[in-house]
Amino acid sequence: MIRNLVAEYELEVTIELVGSAANRADEMTRVSNAWLQAADSPDKSPPAAVAAITSSASPGDIRAIHENIGHQGVRRTLWYA
């Protein structure tokens, strides 16, 4: 499909590998810093959200939830899970 679009619209396309640290899409899948704060730190506010996944939830289960709710992001996926 991409090749057809390139040909049809006479696009000039450059493909390059983007590392995970520089990939904006990967950034959206990382855990929020608010979730990683220690509860006993006096200078930090308490976490805004908590997620717990039991050992019975496989990566495939989480992926299915993410896709079924319309790709709403990590926080909502974990909330639904």
C-alpha atoms as a PDB file:
ATOM      1  CA  MET A   1       0.000   0.000   0.000  1.00  0.00           C
ATOM      2  CA  ILE A   2       2.825   2.401   0.850  1.00  0.00           C
ATOM      3  CA  ARG A   3       4.557   1.668  -2.443  1.00  0.00           C
ATOM      4  CA  ASN A   4       1.317   2.409  -4.305  1.00  0.00           C
ATOM      5  CA  LEU A   5       0.925   5.750  -2.510  1.00  0.00           C
ATOM      6  CA  VAL A   6       4.543   6.673  -3.232  1.00  0.00           C
ATOM      7  CA  ALA A   7       4.057   5.908  -6.912  1.00  0.00           C
ATOM      8  CA  GLU A   8       0.634   7.563  -7.198  1.00  0.00           C
ATOM      9  CA  TYR A   9       1.594  10.825  -5.508  1.00  0.00           C
ATOM     10  CA  GLU A  10       5.211  10.788  -6.694  1.00  0.00           C
ATOM     11  CA  LEU A  11       6.484  11.004  -3.140  1.00  0.00           C
ATOM     12  CA  GLU A  12      10.128  10.982  -2.158  1.00  0.00           C
ATOM     13  CA  VAL A  13      10.515   8.683   0.830  1.00  0.00           C
ATOM     14  CA  THR A  14      13.525   8.142   3.084  1.00  0.00           C
ATOM     15  CA  ILE A  15      13.560   5.231   5.504  1.00  0.00           C
ATOM     16  CA  GLU A  16      15.786   5.206   8.561  1.00  0.00           C
ATOM     17  CA  LEU A  17      15.962   3.288  11.805  1.00  0.00           C
ATOM     18  CA  VAL A  18      14.874   5.338  14.810  1.00  0.00           C
ATOM     19  CA  GLY A  19      16.074   4.149  18.185  1.00  0.00           C
ATOM     20  CA  SER A  20      13.547   3.631  20.939  1.00  0.00           C
ATOM     21  CA  ALA A  21      14.778   6.646  22.941  1.00  0.00           C
ATOM     22  CA  ALA A  22      14.101   8.980  19.996  1.00  0.00           C
ATOM     23  CA  ASN A  23      10.835   7.364  18.876  1.00  0.00           C
ATOM     24  CA  ARG A  24       7.820   9.458  19.913  1.00  0.00           C
ATOM     25  CA  ALA A  25       5.479   6.478  19.618  1.00  0.00           C
ATOM     26  CA  ASP A  26       7.611   4.468  22.041  1.00  0.00           C
ATOM     27  CA  GLU A  27       7.542   7.360  24.483  1.00  0.00           C
ATOM     28  CA  MET A  28       3.782   6.969  24.767  1.00  0.00           C
ATOM     29  CA  THR A  29       4.196   3.368  25.911  1.00  0.00           C
ATOM     30  CA  ARG A  30       6.562   4.126  28.780  1.00  0.00           C
ATOM     31  CA  VAL A  31       5.374   4.170  32.359  1.00  0.00           C
ATOM     32  CA  SER A  32       4.564   7.608  33.712  1.00  0.00           C
ATOM     33  CA  ASN A  33       7.188   9.060  36.068  1.00  0.00           C
ATOM     34  CA  ALA A  34       4.389   9.750  38.550  1.00  0.00           C
ATOM     35  CA  TRP A  35       3.930   6.004  38.945  1.00  0.00           C
ATOM     36  CA  LEU A  36       7.599   5.500  39.772  1.00  0.00           C
ATOM     37  CA  GLN A  37       7.815   7.947  42.681  1.00  0.00           C
ATOM     38  CA  ALA A  38       8.484   6.601  46.133  1.00  0.00           C
ATOM     39  CA  ALA A  39       5.533   7.124  48.471  1.00  0.00           C
ATOM     40  CA  ASP A  40       7.797   8.137  51.369  1.00  0.00           C
ATOM     41  CA  SER A  41       9.523  10.980  49.494  1.00  0.00           C
ATOM     42  CA  PRO A  42       8.519  14.252  51.217  1.00  0.00           C
ATOM     43  CA  ASP A  43       9.254  16.392  48.140  1.00  0.00           C
ATOM     44  CA  LYS A  44       7.190  14.269  45.765  1.00  0.00           C
ATOM     45  CA  SER A  45       3.443  14.225  45.363  1.00  0.00           C
ATOM     46  CA  PRO A  46       1.742  10.838  45.656  1.00  0.00           C
ATOM     47  CA  PRO A  47       1.267   8.838  42.457  1.00  0.00           C
ATOM     48  CA  ALA A  48      -1.754   9.813  40.419  1.00  0.00           C
ATOM     49  CA  ALA A  49      -2.592   6.258  39.367  1.00  0.00           C
ATOM     50  CA  VAL A  50      -1.842   2.673  40.234  1.00  0.00           C
ATOM     51  CA  ALA A  51      -1.931  -0.353  37.973  1.00  0.00           C
ATOM     52  CA  ALA A  52      -1.756  -3.975  39.012  1.00  0.00           C
ATOM     53  CA  ILE A  53      -1.675  -6.905  36.651  1.00  0.00           C
ATOM     54  CA  THR A  54      -2.008 -10.435  37.924  1.00  0.00           C
ATOM     55  CA  SER A  55       0.155 -13.235  36.644  1.00  0.00           C
ATOM     56  CA  SER A  56      -2.859 -14.561  34.735  1.00  0.00           C
ATOM     57  CA  ALA A  57      -2.785 -11.606  32.310  1.00  0.00           C
ATOM     58  CA  SER A  58      -0.510 -12.380  29.387  1.00  0.00           C
ATOM     59  CA  PRO A  59       1.040  -9.773  27.090  1.00  0.00           C
ATOM     60  CA  GLY A  60      -1.441 -10.958  24.461  1.00  0.00           C
ATOM     61  CA  ASP A  61      -4.341 -10.235  26.836  1.00  0.00           C
ATOM     62  CA  ILE A  62      -3.064  -6.707  27.475  1.00  0.00           C
ATOM     63  CA  ARG A  63      -2.527  -6.124  23.742  1.00  0.00           C
ATOM     64  CA  ALA A  64      -6.081  -7.325  23.010  1.00  0.00           C
ATOM     65  CA  ILE A  65      -7.510  -4.947  25.605  1.00  0.00           C
ATOM     66  CA  HIS A  66      -5.471  -2.078  24.154  1.00  0.00           C
ATOM     67  CA  GLU A  67      -6.732  -2.787  20.634  1.00  0.00           C
ATOM     68  CA  ASN A  68     -10.360  -3.383  21.689  1.00  0.00           C
ATOM     69  CA  ILE A  69     -10.650  -0.051  23.508  1.00  0.00           C
ATOM     70  CA  GLY A  70      -9.384   1.835  20.472  1.00  0.00           C
ATOM     71  CA  HIS A  71      -5.696   2.419  21.283  1.00  0.00           C
ATOM     72  CA  GLN A  72      -6.413   4.854  24.134  1.00  0.00           C
ATOM     73  CA  GLY A  73      -2.913   4.723  25.622  1.00  0.00           C
ATOM     74  CA  VAL A  74      -1.069   3.006  28.435  1.00  0.00           C
ATOM     75  CA  ARG A  75      -2.996   4.481  31.354  1.00  0.00           C
ATOM     76  CA  ARG A  76      -6.431   3.590  30.031  1.00  0.00           C
ATOM     77  CA  THR A  77      -5.282   0.166  28.855  1.00  0.00           C
ATOM     78  CA  LEU A  78      -3.974  -0.632  32.334  1.00  0.00           C
ATOM     79  CA  TRP A  79      -7.149   0.788  33.884  1.00  0.00           C
ATOM     80  CA  TYR A  80      -9.280  -1.505  31.722  1.00  0.00           C
ATOM     81  CA  ALA A  81      -6.962  -4.435  32.453  1.00  0.00           C
END
